[in-house]
mmCIF file of all heavy atoms, coordinates in Angstrom:
data_MODEL
# 
_entry.id   MODEL 
# 
loop_
_atom_site.group_PDB 
_atom_site.id 
_atom_site.type_symbol 
_atom_site.label_atom_id 
_atom_site.label_alt_id 
_atom_site.label_comp_id 
_atom_site.label_asym_id 
_atom_site.label_entity_id 
_atom_site.label_seq_id 
_atom_site.pdbx_PDB_ins_code 
_atom_site.Cartn_x 
_atom_site.Cartn_y 
_atom_site.Cartn_z 
_atom_site.occupancy 
_atom_site.B_iso_or_equiv 
_atom_site.pdbx_formal_charge 
_atom_site.auth_seq_id 
_atom_site.auth_comp_id 
_atom_site.auth_asym_id 
_atom_site.auth_atom_id 
_atom_site.pdbx_PDB_model_num 
ATOM 1   N N   . ILE A 1 1  ? -3.422  -16.082 40.217 1.00 0.00 ? 1  ILE A N   1 
ATOM 2   C CA  . ILE A 1 1  ? -2.025  -15.987 40.682 1.00 0.00 ? 1  ILE A CA  1 
ATOM 3   C C   . ILE A 1 1  ? -1.490  -17.377 41.017 1.00 0.00 ? 1  ILE A C   1 
ATOM 4   O O   . ILE A 1 1  ? -0.360  -17.731 40.649 1.00 0.00 ? 1  ILE A O   1 
ATOM 5   C CB  . ILE A 1 1  ? -1.934  -15.048 41.903 1.00 0.00 ? 1  ILE A CB  1 
ATOM 6   C CG1 . ILE A 1 1  ? -2.186  -13.598 41.469 1.00 0.00 ? 1  ILE A CG1 1 
ATOM 7   C CG2 . ILE A 1 1  ? -0.567  -15.156 42.582 1.00 0.00 ? 1  ILE A CG2 1 
ATOM 8   C CD1 . ILE A 1 1  ? -2.334  -12.627 42.624 1.00 0.00 ? 1  ILE A CD1 1 
ATOM 9   N N   . LYS A 1 2  ? -2.296  -18.186 41.709 1.00 0.00 ? 2  LYS A N   1 
ATOM 10  C CA  . LYS A 1 2  ? -1.882  -19.556 42.030 1.00 0.00 ? 2  LYS A CA  1 
ATOM 11  C C   . LYS A 1 2  ? -1.711  -20.382 40.763 1.00 0.00 ? 2  LYS A C   1 
ATOM 12  O O   . LYS A 1 2  ? -0.763  -21.168 40.641 1.00 0.00 ? 2  LYS A O   1 
ATOM 13  C CB  . LYS A 1 2  ? -2.909  -20.213 42.947 1.00 0.00 ? 2  LYS A CB  1 
ATOM 14  C CG  . LYS A 1 2  ? -2.985  -19.646 44.350 1.00 0.00 ? 2  LYS A CG  1 
ATOM 15  C CD  . LYS A 1 2  ? -1.757  -19.970 45.166 1.00 0.00 ? 2  LYS A CD  1 
ATOM 16  C CE  . LYS A 1 2  ? -1.671  -21.436 45.520 1.00 0.00 ? 2  LYS A CE  1 
ATOM 17  N NZ  . LYS A 1 2  ? -0.498  -21.722 46.414 1.00 0.00 ? 2  LYS A NZ  1 
ATOM 18  N N   . LEU A 1 3  ? -2.622  -20.202 39.804 1.00 0.00 ? 3  LEU A N   1 
ATOM 19  C CA  . LEU A 1 3  ? -2.581  -20.956 38.555 1.00 0.00 ? 3  LEU A CA  1 
ATOM 20  C C   . LEU A 1 3  ? -1.277  -20.722 37.805 1.00 0.00 ? 3  LEU A C   1 
ATOM 21  O O   . LEU A 1 3  ? -0.714  -21.648 37.212 1.00 0.00 ? 3  LEU A O   1 
ATOM 22  C CB  . LEU A 1 3  ? -3.773  -20.574 37.676 1.00 0.00 ? 3  LEU A CB  1 
ATOM 23  C CG  . LEU A 1 3  ? -3.878  -21.266 36.308 1.00 0.00 ? 3  LEU A CG  1 
ATOM 24  C CD1 . LEU A 1 3  ? -4.103  -22.764 36.487 1.00 0.00 ? 3  LEU A CD1 1 
ATOM 25  C CD2 . LEU A 1 3  ? -5.009  -20.652 35.486 1.00 0.00 ? 3  LEU A CD2 1 
ATOM 26  N N   . TYR A 1 4  ? -0.780  -19.484 37.845 1.00 0.00 ? 4  TYR A N   1 
ATOM 27  C CA  . TYR A 1 4  ? 0.430   -19.150 37.092 1.00 0.00 ? 4  TYR A CA  1 
ATOM 28  C C   . TYR A 1 4  ? 1.701   -19.236 37.934 1.00 0.00 ? 4  TYR A C   1 
ATOM 29  O O   . TYR A 1 4  ? 2.747   -18.739 37.540 1.00 0.00 ? 4  TYR A O   1 
ATOM 30  C CB  . TYR A 1 4  ? 0.287   -17.762 36.463 1.00 0.00 ? 4  TYR A CB  1 
ATOM 31  C CG  . TYR A 1 4  ? -0.612  -17.774 35.248 1.00 0.00 ? 4  TYR A CG  1 
ATOM 32  C CD1 . TYR A 1 4  ? -1.962  -17.470 35.350 1.00 0.00 ? 4  TYR A CD1 1 
ATOM 33  C CD2 . TYR A 1 4  ? -0.120  -18.147 33.997 1.00 0.00 ? 4  TYR A CD2 1 
ATOM 34  C CE1 . TYR A 1 4  ? -2.800  -17.510 34.242 1.00 0.00 ? 4  TYR A CE1 1 
ATOM 35  C CE2 . TYR A 1 4  ? -0.942  -18.188 32.879 1.00 0.00 ? 4  TYR A CE2 1 
ATOM 36  C CZ  . TYR A 1 4  ? -2.286  -17.870 33.012 1.00 0.00 ? 4  TYR A CZ  1 
ATOM 37  O OH  . TYR A 1 4  ? -3.101  -17.921 31.909 1.00 0.00 ? 4  TYR A OH  1 
ATOM 38  N N   . GLY A 1 5  ? 1.607   -19.870 39.096 1.00 0.00 ? 5  GLY A N   1 
ATOM 39  C CA  . GLY A 1 5  ? 2.800   -20.184 39.854 1.00 0.00 ? 5  GLY A CA  1 
ATOM 40  C C   . GLY A 1 5  ? 3.180   -19.193 40.935 1.00 0.00 ? 5  GLY A C   1 
ATOM 41  O O   . GLY A 1 5  ? 4.250   -19.316 41.539 1.00 0.00 ? 5  GLY A O   1 
ATOM 42  N N   . GLY A 1 6  ? 2.321   -18.216 41.219 1.00 0.00 ? 6  GLY A N   1 
ATOM 43  C CA  . GLY A 1 6  ? 2.604   -17.255 42.271 1.00 0.00 ? 6  GLY A CA  1 
ATOM 44  C C   . GLY A 1 6  ? 1.800   -17.538 43.526 1.00 0.00 ? 6  GLY A C   1 
ATOM 45  O O   . GLY A 1 6  ? 1.021   -18.508 43.586 1.00 0.00 ? 6  GLY A O   1 
ATOM 46  N N   . ASN A 1 7  ? 1.976   -16.706 44.541 1.00 0.00 ? 7  ASN A N   1 
ATOM 47  C CA  . ASN A 1 7  ? 1.224   -16.834 45.786 1.00 0.00 ? 7  ASN A CA  1 
ATOM 48  C C   . ASN A 1 7  ? 0.690   -15.470 46.203 1.00 0.00 ? 7  ASN A C   1 
ATOM 49  O O   . ASN A 1 7  ? 1.472   -14.519 46.352 1.00 0.00 ? 7  ASN A O   1 
ATOM 50  C CB  . ASN A 1 7  ? 2.119   -17.388 46.907 1.00 0.00 ? 7  ASN A CB  1 
ATOM 51  C CG  . ASN A 1 7  ? 2.416   -18.860 46.716 1.00 0.00 ? 7  ASN A CG  1 
ATOM 52  O OD1 . ASN A 1 7  ? 1.521   -19.692 46.682 1.00 0.00 ? 7  ASN A OD1 1 
ATOM 53  N ND2 . ASN A 1 7  ? 3.686   -19.183 46.566 1.00 0.00 ? 7  ASN A ND2 1 
ATOM 54  N N   . PRO A 1 8  ? -0.625  -15.355 46.364 1.00 0.00 ? 8  PRO A N   1 
ATOM 55  C CA  . PRO A 1 8  ? -1.194  -14.060 46.778 1.00 0.00 ? 8  PRO A CA  1 
ATOM 56  C C   . PRO A 1 8  ? -0.799  -13.703 48.198 1.00 0.00 ? 8  PRO A C   1 
ATOM 57  O O   . PRO A 1 8  ? -0.739  -14.567 49.077 1.00 0.00 ? 8  PRO A O   1 
ATOM 58  C CB  . PRO A 1 8  ? -2.710  -14.281 46.653 1.00 0.00 ? 8  PRO A CB  1 
ATOM 59  C CG  . PRO A 1 8  ? -2.890  -15.758 46.757 1.00 0.00 ? 8  PRO A CG  1 
ATOM 60  C CD  . PRO A 1 8  ? -1.660  -16.384 46.186 1.00 0.00 ? 8  PRO A CD  1 
ATOM 61  N N   . ALA A 1 9  ? -0.517  -12.431 48.422 1.00 0.00 ? 9  ALA A N   1 
ATOM 62  C CA  . ALA A 1 9  ? -0.127  -11.960 49.756 1.00 0.00 ? 9  ALA A CA  1 
ATOM 63  C C   . ALA A 1 9  ? -1.324  -11.547 50.586 1.00 0.00 ? 9  ALA A C   1 
ATOM 64  O O   . ALA A 1 9  ? -1.205  -11.367 51.803 1.00 0.00 ? 9  ALA A O   1 
ATOM 65  C CB  . ALA A 1 9  ? 0.843   -10.788 49.639 1.00 0.00 ? 9  ALA A CB  1 
ATOM 66  N N   . ASN A 1 10 ? -2.475  -11.370 49.923 1.00 0.00 ? 10 ASN A N   1 
ATOM 67  C CA  . ASN A 1 10 ? -3.633  -10.874 50.674 1.00 0.00 ? 10 ASN A CA  1 
ATOM 68  C C   . ASN A 1 10 ? -4.901  -10.975 49.833 1.00 0.00 ? 10 ASN A C   1 
ATOM 69  O O   . ASN A 1 10 ? -4.854  -11.161 48.619 1.00 0.00 ? 10 ASN A O   1 
ATOM 70  C CB  . ASN A 1 10 ? -3.421  -9.405  51.072 1.00 0.00 ? 10 ASN A CB  1 
ATOM 71  C CG  . ASN A 1 10 ? -3.245  -8.522  49.853 1.00 0.00 ? 10 ASN A CG  1 
ATOM 72  O OD1 . ASN A 1 10 ? -2.131  -8.355  49.353 1.00 0.00 ? 10 ASN A OD1 1 
ATOM 73  N ND2 . ASN A 1 10 ? -4.335  -7.960  49.335 1.00 0.00 ? 10 ASN A ND2 1 
ATOM 74  N N   . PHE A 1 11 ? -6.002  -10.845 50.524 1.00 0.00 ? 11 PHE A N   1 
ATOM 75  C CA  . PHE A 1 11 ? -7.305  -10.558 49.919 1.00 0.00 ? 11 PHE A CA  1 
ATOM 76  C C   . PHE A 1 11 ? -7.600  -9.106  50.257 1.00 0.00 ? 11 PHE A C   1 
ATOM 77  O O   . PHE A 1 11 ? -7.589  -8.724  51.427 1.00 0.00 ? 11 PHE A O   1 
ATOM 78  C CB  . PHE A 1 11 ? -8.362  -11.484 50.530 1.00 0.00 ? 11 PHE A CB  1 
ATOM 79  C CG  . PHE A 1 11 ? -9.787  -11.139 50.178 1.00 0.00 ? 11 PHE A CG  1 
ATOM 80  C CD1 . PHE A 1 11 ? -10.436 -11.793 49.150 1.00 0.00 ? 11 PHE A CD1 1 
ATOM 81  C CD2 . PHE A 1 11 ? -10.485 -10.181 50.898 1.00 0.00 ? 11 PHE A CD2 1 
ATOM 82  C CE1 . PHE A 1 11 ? -11.755 -11.492 48.842 1.00 0.00 ? 11 PHE A CE1 1 
ATOM 83  C CE2 . PHE A 1 11 ? -11.805 -9.872  50.590 1.00 0.00 ? 11 PHE A CE2 1 
ATOM 84  C CZ  . PHE A 1 11 ? -12.441 -10.536 49.558 1.00 0.00 ? 11 PHE A CZ  1 
ATOM 85  N N   . LEU A 1 12 ? -7.823  -8.267  49.233 1.00 0.00 ? 12 LEU A N   1 
ATOM 86  C CA  . LEU A 1 12 ? -8.100  -6.851  49.469 1.00 0.00 ? 12 LEU A CA  1 
ATOM 87  C C   . LEU A 1 12 ? -9.147  -6.364  48.482 1.00 0.00 ? 12 LEU A C   1 
ATOM 88  O O   . LEU A 1 12 ? -8.883  -6.218  47.289 1.00 0.00 ? 12 LEU A O   1 
ATOM 89  C CB  . LEU A 1 12 ? -6.825  -6.017  49.341 1.00 0.00 ? 12 LEU A CB  1 
ATOM 90  C CG  . LEU A 1 12 ? -6.960  -4.492  49.450 1.00 0.00 ? 12 LEU A CG  1 
ATOM 91  C CD1 . LEU A 1 12 ? -7.699  -4.089  50.711 1.00 0.00 ? 12 LEU A CD1 1 
ATOM 92  C CD2 . LEU A 1 12 ? -5.592  -3.830  49.407 1.00 0.00 ? 12 LEU A CD2 1 
ATOM 93  N N   . ASP A 1 13 ? -10.345 -6.144  48.991 1.00 0.00 ? 13 ASP A N   1 
ATOM 94  C CA  . ASP A 1 13 ? -11.472 -5.657  48.187 1.00 0.00 ? 13 ASP A CA  1 
ATOM 95  C C   . ASP A 1 13 ? -11.764 -4.216  48.600 1.00 0.00 ? 13 ASP A C   1 
ATOM 96  O O   . ASP A 1 13 ? -12.202 -3.968  49.723 1.00 0.00 ? 13 ASP A O   1 
ATOM 97  C CB  . ASP A 1 13 ? -12.689 -6.552  48.412 1.00 0.00 ? 13 ASP A CB  1 
ATOM 98  C CG  . ASP A 1 13 ? -13.974 -5.987  47.805 1.00 0.00 ? 13 ASP A CG  1 
ATOM 99  O OD1 . ASP A 1 13 ? -13.875 -5.118  46.921 1.00 0.00 ? 13 ASP A OD1 1 
ATOM 100 O OD2 . ASP A 1 13 ? -15.059 -6.415  48.233 1.00 0.00 ? 13 ASP A OD2 1 
ATOM 101 N N   . ILE A 1 14 ? -11.496 -3.265  47.678 1.00 0.00 ? 14 ILE A N   1 
ATOM 102 C CA  . ILE A 1 14 ? -11.701 -1.848  48.007 1.00 0.00 ? 14 ILE A CA  1 
ATOM 103 C C   . ILE A 1 14 ? -13.084 -1.353  47.603 1.00 0.00 ? 14 ILE A C   1 
ATOM 104 O O   . ILE A 1 14 ? -13.395 -0.177  47.788 1.00 0.00 ? 14 ILE A O   1 
ATOM 105 C CB  . ILE A 1 14 ? -10.624 -0.954  47.360 1.00 0.00 ? 14 ILE A CB  1 
ATOM 106 C CG1 . ILE A 1 14 ? -10.692 -1.042  45.827 1.00 0.00 ? 14 ILE A CG1 1 
ATOM 107 C CG2 . ILE A 1 14 ? -9.244  -1.310  47.874 1.00 0.00 ? 14 ILE A CG2 1 
ATOM 108 C CD1 . ILE A 1 14 ? -9.839  -0.002  45.130 1.00 0.00 ? 14 ILE A CD1 1 
ATOM 109 N N   . GLY A 1 15 ? -13.913 -2.239  47.042 1.00 0.00 ? 15 GLY A N   1 
ATOM 110 C CA  . GLY A 1 15 ? -15.253 -1.813  46.645 1.00 0.00 ? 15 GLY A CA  1 
ATOM 111 C C   . GLY A 1 15 ? -15.234 -1.041  45.333 1.00 0.00 ? 15 GLY A C   1 
ATOM 112 O O   . GLY A 1 15 ? -14.250 -1.053  44.599 1.00 0.00 ? 15 GLY A O   1 
ATOM 113 N N   . GLY A 1 16 ? -16.317 -0.329  45.053 1.00 0.00 ? 16 GLY A N   1 
ATOM 114 C CA  . GLY A 1 16 ? -16.471 0.311   43.751 1.00 0.00 ? 16 GLY A CA  1 
ATOM 115 C C   . GLY A 1 16 ? -15.979 1.734   43.658 1.00 0.00 ? 16 GLY A C   1 
ATOM 116 O O   . GLY A 1 16 ? -16.113 2.369   42.613 1.00 0.00 ? 16 GLY A O   1 
ATOM 117 N N   . SER A 1 17 ? -15.387 2.258   44.721 1.00 0.00 ? 17 SER A N   1 
ATOM 118 C CA  . SER A 1 17 ? -14.993 3.662   44.711 1.00 0.00 ? 17 SER A CA  1 
ATOM 119 C C   . SER A 1 17 ? -13.638 3.874   44.043 1.00 0.00 ? 17 SER A C   1 
ATOM 120 O O   . SER A 1 17 ? -12.746 3.022   44.126 1.00 0.00 ? 17 SER A O   1 
ATOM 121 C CB  . SER A 1 17 ? -14.936 4.193   46.146 1.00 0.00 ? 17 SER A CB  1 
ATOM 122 O OG  . SER A 1 17 ? -14.403 5.492   46.166 1.00 0.00 ? 17 SER A OG  1 
ATOM 123 N N   . SER A 1 18 ? -13.457 5.015   43.357 1.00 0.00 ? 18 SER A N   1 
ATOM 124 C CA  . SER A 1 18 ? -12.158 5.409   42.806 1.00 0.00 ? 18 SER A CA  1 
ATOM 125 C C   . SER A 1 18 ? -11.522 6.486   43.671 1.00 0.00 ? 18 SER A C   1 
ATOM 126 O O   . SER A 1 18 ? -10.585 7.161   43.237 1.00 0.00 ? 18 SER A O   1 
ATOM 127 C CB  . SER A 1 18 ? -12.331 5.917   41.369 1.00 0.00 ? 18 SER A CB  1 
ATOM 128 O OG  . SER A 1 18 ? -13.210 7.043   41.344 1.00 0.00 ? 18 SER A OG  1 
ATOM 129 N N   . ASN A 1 19 ? -12.032 6.678   44.882 1.00 0.00 ? 19 ASN A N   1 
ATOM 130 C CA  . ASN A 1 19 ? -11.544 7.696   45.799 1.00 0.00 ? 19 ASN A CA  1 
ATOM 131 C C   . ASN A 1 19 ? -10.054 7.481   46.082 1.00 0.00 ? 19 ASN A C   1 
ATOM 132 O O   . ASN A 1 19 ? -9.668  6.442   46.621 1.00 0.00 ? 19 ASN A O   1 
ATOM 133 C CB  . ASN A 1 19 ? -12.345 7.603   47.108 1.00 0.00 ? 19 ASN A CB  1 
ATOM 134 C CG  . ASN A 1 19 ? -11.983 8.708   48.089 1.00 0.00 ? 19 ASN A CG  1 
ATOM 135 O OD1 . ASN A 1 19 ? -10.914 9.284   48.024 1.00 0.00 ? 19 ASN A OD1 1 
ATOM 136 N ND2 . ASN A 1 19 ? -12.892 8.982   49.011 1.00 0.00 ? 19 ASN A ND2 1 
ATOM 137 N N   . PRO A 1 20 ? -9.184  8.443   45.738 1.00 0.00 ? 20 PRO A N   1 
ATOM 138 C CA  . PRO A 1 20 ? -7.745  8.256   45.948 1.00 0.00 ? 20 PRO A CA  1 
ATOM 139 C C   . PRO A 1 20 ? -7.375  8.063   47.407 1.00 0.00 ? 20 PRO A C   1 
ATOM 140 O O   . PRO A 1 20 ? -6.402  7.366   47.716 1.00 0.00 ? 20 PRO A O   1 
ATOM 141 C CB  . PRO A 1 20 ? -7.131  9.539   45.367 1.00 0.00 ? 20 PRO A CB  1 
ATOM 142 C CG  . PRO A 1 20 ? -8.244  10.528  45.297 1.00 0.00 ? 20 PRO A CG  1 
ATOM 143 C CD  . PRO A 1 20 ? -9.484  9.734   45.090 1.00 0.00 ? 20 PRO A CD  1 
ATOM 144 N N   . ILE A 1 21 ? -8.125  8.666   48.335 1.00 0.00 ? 21 ILE A N   1 
ATOM 145 C CA  . ILE A 1 21 ? -7.826  8.512   49.760 1.00 0.00 ? 21 ILE A CA  1 
ATOM 146 C C   . ILE A 1 21 ? -8.000  7.050   50.170 1.00 0.00 ? 21 ILE A C   1 
ATOM 147 O O   . ILE A 1 21 ? -7.191  6.493   50.913 1.00 0.00 ? 21 ILE A O   1 
ATOM 148 C CB  . ILE A 1 21 ? -8.729  9.432   50.610 1.00 0.00 ? 21 ILE A CB  1 
ATOM 149 C CG1 . ILE A 1 21 ? -8.427  10.898  50.300 1.00 0.00 ? 21 ILE A CG1 1 
ATOM 150 C CG2 . ILE A 1 21 ? -8.548  9.148   52.096 1.00 0.00 ? 21 ILE A CG2 1 
ATOM 151 C CD1 . ILE A 1 21 ? -9.341  11.884  50.981 1.00 0.00 ? 21 ILE A CD1 1 
ATOM 152 N N   . LYS A 1 22 ? -9.061  6.425   49.656 1.00 0.00 ? 22 LYS A N   1 
ATOM 153 C CA  . LYS A 1 22 ? -9.310  5.019   49.957 1.00 0.00 ? 22 LYS A CA  1 
ATOM 154 C C   . LYS A 1 22 ? -8.202  4.148   49.378 1.00 0.00 ? 22 LYS A C   1 
ATOM 155 O O   . LYS A 1 22 ? -7.733  3.207   50.019 1.00 0.00 ? 22 LYS A O   1 
ATOM 156 C CB  . LYS A 1 22 ? -10.671 4.611   49.385 1.00 0.00 ? 22 LYS A CB  1 
ATOM 157 C CG  . LYS A 1 22 ? -11.218 3.296   49.919 1.00 0.00 ? 22 LYS A CG  1 
ATOM 158 C CD  . LYS A 1 22 ? -12.639 3.093   49.413 1.00 0.00 ? 22 LYS A CD  1 
ATOM 159 C CE  . LYS A 1 22 ? -13.290 1.890   50.052 1.00 0.00 ? 22 LYS A CE  1 
ATOM 160 N NZ  . LYS A 1 22 ? -14.674 1.688   49.582 1.00 0.00 ? 22 LYS A NZ  1 
ATOM 161 N N   . VAL A 1 23 ? -7.758  4.479   48.159 1.00 0.00 ? 23 VAL A N   1 
ATOM 162 C CA  . VAL A 1 23 ? -6.671  3.728   47.534 1.00 0.00 ? 23 VAL A CA  1 
ATOM 163 C C   . VAL A 1 23 ? -5.390  3.874   48.353 1.00 0.00 ? 23 VAL A C   1 
ATOM 164 O O   . VAL A 1 23 ? -4.660  2.907   48.578 1.00 0.00 ? 23 VAL A O   1 
ATOM 165 C CB  . VAL A 1 23 ? -6.441  4.204   46.082 1.00 0.00 ? 23 VAL A CB  1 
ATOM 166 C CG1 . VAL A 1 23 ? -5.208  3.532   45.487 1.00 0.00 ? 23 VAL A CG1 1 
ATOM 167 C CG2 . VAL A 1 23 ? -7.660  3.914   45.222 1.00 0.00 ? 23 VAL A CG2 1 
ATOM 168 N N   . ILE A 1 24 ? -5.107  5.081   48.816 1.00 0.00 ? 24 ILE A N   1 
ATOM 169 C CA  . ILE A 1 24 ? -3.910  5.328   49.621 1.00 0.00 ? 24 ILE A CA  1 
ATOM 170 C C   . ILE A 1 24 ? -3.942  4.490   50.895 1.00 0.00 ? 24 ILE A C   1 
ATOM 171 O O   . ILE A 1 24 ? -2.959  3.831   51.253 1.00 0.00 ? 24 ILE A O   1 
ATOM 172 C CB  . ILE A 1 24 ? -3.783  6.831   49.971 1.00 0.00 ? 24 ILE A CB  1 
ATOM 173 C CG1 . ILE A 1 24 ? -3.457  7.642   48.713 1.00 0.00 ? 24 ILE A CG1 1 
ATOM 174 C CG2 . ILE A 1 24 ? -2.706  7.056   51.025 1.00 0.00 ? 24 ILE A CG2 1 
ATOM 175 C CD1 . ILE A 1 24 ? -3.586  9.140   48.914 1.00 0.00 ? 24 ILE A CD1 1 
ATOM 176 N N   . GLU A 1 25 ? -5.075  4.501   51.608 1.00 0.00 ? 25 GLU A N   1 
ATOM 177 C CA  . GLU A 1 25 ? -5.193  3.750   52.849 1.00 0.00 ? 25 GLU A CA  1 
ATOM 178 C C   . GLU A 1 25 ? -5.034  2.250   52.600 1.00 0.00 ? 25 GLU A C   1 
ATOM 179 O O   . GLU A 1 25 ? -4.381  1.545   53.372 1.00 0.00 ? 25 GLU A O   1 
ATOM 180 C CB  . GLU A 1 25 ? -6.540  4.031   53.523 1.00 0.00 ? 25 GLU A CB  1 
ATOM 181 C CG  . GLU A 1 25 ? -6.716  5.452   54.028 1.00 0.00 ? 25 GLU A CG  1 
ATOM 182 C CD  . GLU A 1 25 ? -5.713  5.818   55.111 1.00 0.00 ? 25 GLU A CD  1 
ATOM 183 O OE1 . GLU A 1 25 ? -5.303  4.914   55.863 1.00 0.00 ? 25 GLU A OE1 1 
ATOM 184 O OE2 . GLU A 1 25 ? -5.323  6.990   55.188 1.00 0.00 ? 25 GLU A OE2 1 
ATOM 185 N N   . ALA A 1 26 ? -5.638  1.774   51.501 1.00 0.00 ? 26 ALA A N   1 
ATOM 186 C CA  . ALA A 1 26 ? -5.540  0.356   51.172 1.00 0.00 ? 26 ALA A CA  1 
ATOM 187 C C   . ALA A 1 26 ? -4.101  -0.024  50.822 1.00 0.00 ? 26 ALA A C   1 
ATOM 188 O O   . ALA A 1 26 ? -3.596  -1.069  51.254 1.00 0.00 ? 26 ALA A O   1 
ATOM 189 C CB  . ALA A 1 26 ? -6.476  0.015   50.018 1.00 0.00 ? 26 ALA A CB  1 
# 
């Protein structure tokens, strides 16, 4: 993101789960 001229708003690692509840909370 920095390389292409943007700025990241956060670091967010949700791990390996595809659990929709976890995605919603994140």
